[in-house]
Protein backbone atom coordinates (compact mmCIF):
# COMPACT_ATOMS: atom_id res chain seq x y z
CA MET A 1 42.85 -21.74 -4.71
CA HIS A 2 39.41 -20.76 -4.64
CA GLY A 3 38.49 -18.21 -7.53
CA THR A 4 35.71 -15.60 -5.21
CA ASP A 5 35.43 -16.27 -1.42
CA SER A 6 32.35 -15.31 -0.52
CA SER A 7 32.54 -16.06 3.29
CA SER A 8 32.63 -11.65 3.44
CA ALA A 9 29.16 -11.94 1.62
CA PRO A 10 26.57 -10.44 3.24
CA VAL A 11 24.16 -13.18 4.33
CA ARG A 12 20.30 -12.32 4.44
CA PRO A 13 18.27 -13.84 6.60
CA ALA A 14 15.62 -16.25 5.33
CA HIS A 15 12.48 -14.53 5.38
CA ARG A 16 9.20 -15.96 7.88
CA ARG A 17 6.94 -17.66 6.37
CA PHE A 18 3.20 -16.78 7.09
CA ASP A 19 1.75 -20.24 8.72
CA GLY A 20 -1.29 -19.21 10.98
CA ASP A 21 -5.11 -19.73 9.92
CA THR A 22 -5.80 -15.90 10.74
CA LEU A 23 -4.10 -12.78 9.26
CA VAL A 24 -5.56 -9.35 10.57
CA VAL A 25 -5.56 -6.34 8.33
CA ALA A 26 -3.98 -3.44 9.65
CA SER A 27 -6.58 -1.06 8.27
CA HIS A 28 -10.48 0.89 8.93
CA ASN A 29 -10.10 1.97 5.05
CA PRO A 30 -12.73 -0.31 3.07
CA GLY A 31 -11.54 -0.57 -0.43
CA LYS A 32 -7.73 -0.73 0.87
CA VAL A 33 -9.35 -3.97 3.15
CA ARG A 34 -10.97 -5.09 -0.08
CA GLU A 35 -8.10 -4.79 -2.68
CA ILE A 36 -5.90 -6.77 0.31
CA ALA A 37 -8.66 -9.30 0.22
CA ALA A 38 -9.11 -9.59 -3.47
CA LEU A 39 -5.06 -10.00 -3.62
CA LEU A 40 -4.64 -12.51 -0.42
CA ALA A 41 -7.92 -14.63 -1.93
CA PRO A 42 -5.50 -17.30 -4.03
CA PHE A 43 -3.41 -18.25 -0.45
CA GLY A 44 -6.25 -19.80 1.09
CA LEU A 45 -6.01 -18.35 4.49
CA GLY A 46 -8.53 -19.50 7.00
CA ARG A 47 -9.48 -15.93 7.90
CA VAL A 48 -8.77 -12.81 6.87
CA VAL A 49 -10.62 -10.32 9.27
CA SER A 50 -9.74 -5.99 9.14
CA ALA A 51 -8.73 -3.73 12.58
CA LYS A 52 -12.42 -2.58 12.07
CA GLU A 53 -14.15 -5.83 12.63
CA LEU A 54 -11.64 -6.40 15.18
CA GLY A 55 -12.75 -3.33 16.36
CA LEU A 56 -9.43 -2.10 16.80
CA PRO A 57 -8.18 1.53 16.96
CA GLU A 58 -6.55 2.85 14.31
CA PRO A 59 -2.51 4.06 16.02
CA GLU A 60 -1.16 7.68 15.38
CA GLU A 61 1.10 7.93 11.91
CA THR A 62 4.08 9.36 12.89
CA GLY A 63 6.28 7.98 10.62
CA LYS A 64 8.45 9.98 8.13
CA THR A 65 8.26 7.52 5.54
CA PHE A 66 5.28 5.10 4.14
CA LEU A 67 7.42 2.05 5.28
CA ALA A 68 7.78 3.33 8.79
CA ASN A 69 3.99 4.15 8.92
CA ALA A 70 3.10 0.41 7.49
CA VAL A 71 5.39 -1.13 10.36
CA LEU A 72 3.73 1.14 12.76
CA LYS A 73 0.01 -0.16 12.13
CA ALA A 74 1.44 -3.70 11.50
CA LEU A 75 2.76 -3.97 15.06
CA ALA A 76 0.31 -1.92 16.78
CA ALA A 77 -2.09 -4.59 15.02
CA THR A 78 -0.21 -7.51 16.38
CA GLN A 79 0.25 -6.66 19.46
CA ALA A 80 -3.81 -6.02 20.41
CA SER A 81 -4.93 -8.74 18.40
CA GLY A 82 -2.53 -11.57 19.39
CA GLN A 83 -2.41 -12.39 15.89
CA PRO A 84 -0.16 -11.63 12.37
CA ALA A 85 -1.07 -8.44 11.04
CA LEU A 86 -0.88 -6.97 7.80
CA ALA A 87 -0.32 -3.26 7.60
CA ASP A 88 -0.30 -0.90 4.09
CA ASP A 89 0.36 2.53 4.05
CA SER A 90 0.29 4.11 0.38
CA GLY A 91 0.16 7.19 -0.89
CA LEU A 92 0.06 9.78 -4.19
CA GLU A 93 3.62 11.50 -4.75
CA VAL A 94 3.35 14.45 -7.19
CA HIS A 95 6.93 15.18 -8.57
CA ALA A 96 5.89 19.05 -9.50
CA LEU A 97 5.04 19.31 -5.88
CA GLU A 98 8.02 17.87 -4.73
CA GLY A 99 6.55 14.66 -3.41
CA ALA A 100 3.10 15.89 -1.81
CA PRO A 101 0.52 14.68 -0.59
CA GLY A 102 2.91 11.39 0.14
CA ILE A 103 2.49 10.31 3.29
CA LEU A 104 -0.32 13.04 3.89
CA SER A 105 -2.26 11.81 1.17
CA ALA A 106 -5.32 10.67 3.85
CA ARG A 107 -5.23 13.36 5.85
CA TRP A 108 -5.85 16.10 3.00
CA ALA A 109 -8.87 14.12 2.18
CA GLY A 110 -9.50 15.99 5.75
CA PRO A 111 -11.00 13.64 8.81
CA ASP A 112 -14.06 12.82 6.91
CA LYS A 113 -12.01 10.89 3.92
CA ASN A 114 -13.66 12.87 1.43
CA PHE A 115 -11.68 12.51 -1.30
CA ALA A 116 -12.74 14.59 -3.92
CA ARG A 117 -11.61 17.81 -1.87
CA ALA A 118 -8.37 15.78 -2.00
CA MET A 119 -8.09 15.56 -5.49
CA GLU A 120 -9.36 19.22 -6.37
CA ARG A 121 -6.20 20.20 -4.13
CA VAL A 122 -4.07 18.29 -6.37
CA ALA A 123 -5.36 20.16 -9.29
CA HIS A 124 -5.10 23.23 -7.46
CA GLU A 125 -1.86 22.97 -6.68
CA LEU A 126 -0.59 21.85 -9.89
CA GLY A 127 -1.88 24.86 -11.33
CA GLY A 128 -1.49 24.74 -14.98
CA GLY A 129 1.77 23.40 -14.70
CA ARG A 130 3.33 20.61 -17.47
CA ASP A 131 5.08 18.20 -15.19
CA ARG A 132 2.12 16.33 -14.38
CA ARG A 133 4.00 12.98 -13.21
CA ALA A 134 3.48 10.91 -10.57
CA ASN A 135 3.38 7.85 -8.65
CA PHE A 136 1.45 5.99 -6.29
CA THR A 137 3.74 4.27 -3.68
CA CYS A 138 3.37 1.13 -1.64
CA ALA A 139 4.57 0.27 1.85
CA LEU A 140 3.84 -3.29 3.47
CA ALA A 141 4.61 -5.15 6.28
CA LEU A 142 3.18 -7.70 7.99
CA ALA A 143 4.14 -8.25 11.78
CA TRP A 144 3.71 -11.36 14.18
CA PRO A 145 3.01 -10.81 17.75
CA ASP A 146 6.67 -11.37 18.76
CA GLY A 147 7.93 -8.12 17.00
CA HIS A 148 9.43 -9.90 13.87
CA VAL A 149 8.30 -7.61 10.58
CA GLU A 150 8.90 -8.39 6.92
CA THR A 151 8.90 -5.50 5.16
CA PHE A 152 7.88 -4.69 1.00
CA GLU A 153 7.38 -2.01 -1.52
CA GLY A 154 5.96 -1.25 -4.56
CA ARG A 155 5.34 1.33 -6.99
CA VAL A 156 3.48 2.78 -10.66
CA PHE A 157 4.22 5.78 -12.36
CA GLY A 158 1.61 7.61 -14.35
CA ASP A 159 0.31 11.33 -15.00
CA ILE A 160 -2.09 13.33 -12.99
CA ILE A 161 -5.18 14.05 -15.18
CA TRP A 162 -8.23 16.80 -15.00
CA PRO A 163 -10.89 16.00 -14.22
CA PRO A 164 -11.43 12.95 -12.81
CA ARG A 165 -12.90 9.76 -14.50
CA GLY A 166 -14.08 6.95 -13.27
CA ASP A 167 -15.87 5.61 -10.12
CA ARG A 168 -14.39 2.63 -9.40
CA GLY A 169 -11.34 2.07 -7.21
CA PHE A 170 -10.51 4.83 -4.03
CA GLY A 171 -9.00 7.79 -2.94
CA TYR A 172 -6.75 9.66 -5.72
CA ASP A 173 -7.20 6.68 -8.71
CA PRO A 174 -10.10 8.53 -10.78
CA ILE A 175 -6.99 11.27 -11.54
CA PHE A 176 -4.26 8.53 -11.70
CA LEU A 177 -3.59 7.77 -15.67
CA PRO A 178 -0.96 4.37 -15.17
CA ASP A 179 1.65 4.67 -18.33
CA GLY A 180 1.09 2.47 -21.48
CA HIS A 181 -3.08 3.01 -20.57
CA ASP A 182 -6.14 4.59 -21.70
CA LEU A 183 -7.75 4.65 -18.75
CA THR A 184 -7.41 5.87 -15.23
CA PHE A 185 -7.15 3.64 -12.06
CA GLY A 186 -10.92 4.71 -11.31
CA GLU A 187 -12.32 3.84 -14.77
CA MET A 188 -10.46 0.44 -14.50
CA GLU A 189 -11.94 -2.95 -13.70
CA PRO A 190 -10.54 -4.03 -10.21
CA ASP A 191 -8.78 -7.06 -12.28
CA ASP A 192 -6.74 -5.13 -14.08
CA LYS A 193 -5.95 -2.60 -11.96
CA HIS A 194 -4.49 -4.87 -9.44
CA ALA A 195 -2.17 -6.48 -12.37
CA ILE A 196 -0.53 -3.28 -12.41
CA SER A 197 -0.55 -1.38 -9.56
CA HIS A 198 1.67 -0.18 -6.57
CA ARG A 199 -0.14 -2.49 -4.29
CA ALA A 200 0.12 -5.41 -6.49
CA GLU A 201 3.87 -4.79 -7.09
CA ALA A 202 4.72 -4.99 -3.58
CA PHE A 203 2.38 -7.69 -2.68
CA ARG A 204 3.83 -9.76 -5.27
CA LYS A 205 7.13 -9.09 -3.36
CA LEU A 206 5.38 -10.52 -0.34
CA VAL A 207 4.06 -13.55 -1.34
CA ALA A 208 7.18 -14.59 -2.71
CA ALA A 209 8.78 -13.82 0.48
CA CYS A 210 6.32 -15.35 3.10
CA PHE A 211 3.37 -17.26 1.12
CA GLU A 212 4.54 -19.37 -1.53
CA GLY A 213 6.93 -22.49 -1.32
């Protein structure tokens, strides 16, 4: 008699490997596109092009989670371009604000993408509270024109600081101090941020599943 019957164990389907020569980054955010392109650079993709460069419209982000919005954006870009598309939905979750701004992180910056205003709103709503804990979350979705989608998530934890420090990075980076570090994401060299960020963690999972091997 065999020791363990594995017939009832769920079988996870193999991840789909990316084997194309063009990848669309489904974003109109130049800072995000730069980070994604840098993280993909070691894999020698023939062409990485942004949705903005292709003139693709930005779909309305109607999802209730980062992952849902990433999938929505990736599918919209792959269907419009006919090429595989990678979308990122990410944001800042402040624990004392019940996870806000969360999926509304970009919207807090307004139509003119004024993140100085968004950071001021975070500081104002936190007030003098002692709980400054927060995390960045990144959800990635890699979609193909036939509708297949692979998804991955990453997080990095730290504290909100005020006033903002540093002019590197983008978004809320100048007010986020990651655990175990003395520099905010806004002060770090790009390579140092890439090594520990929420986006880097999600990318490690994506690369292992869809690019390596």
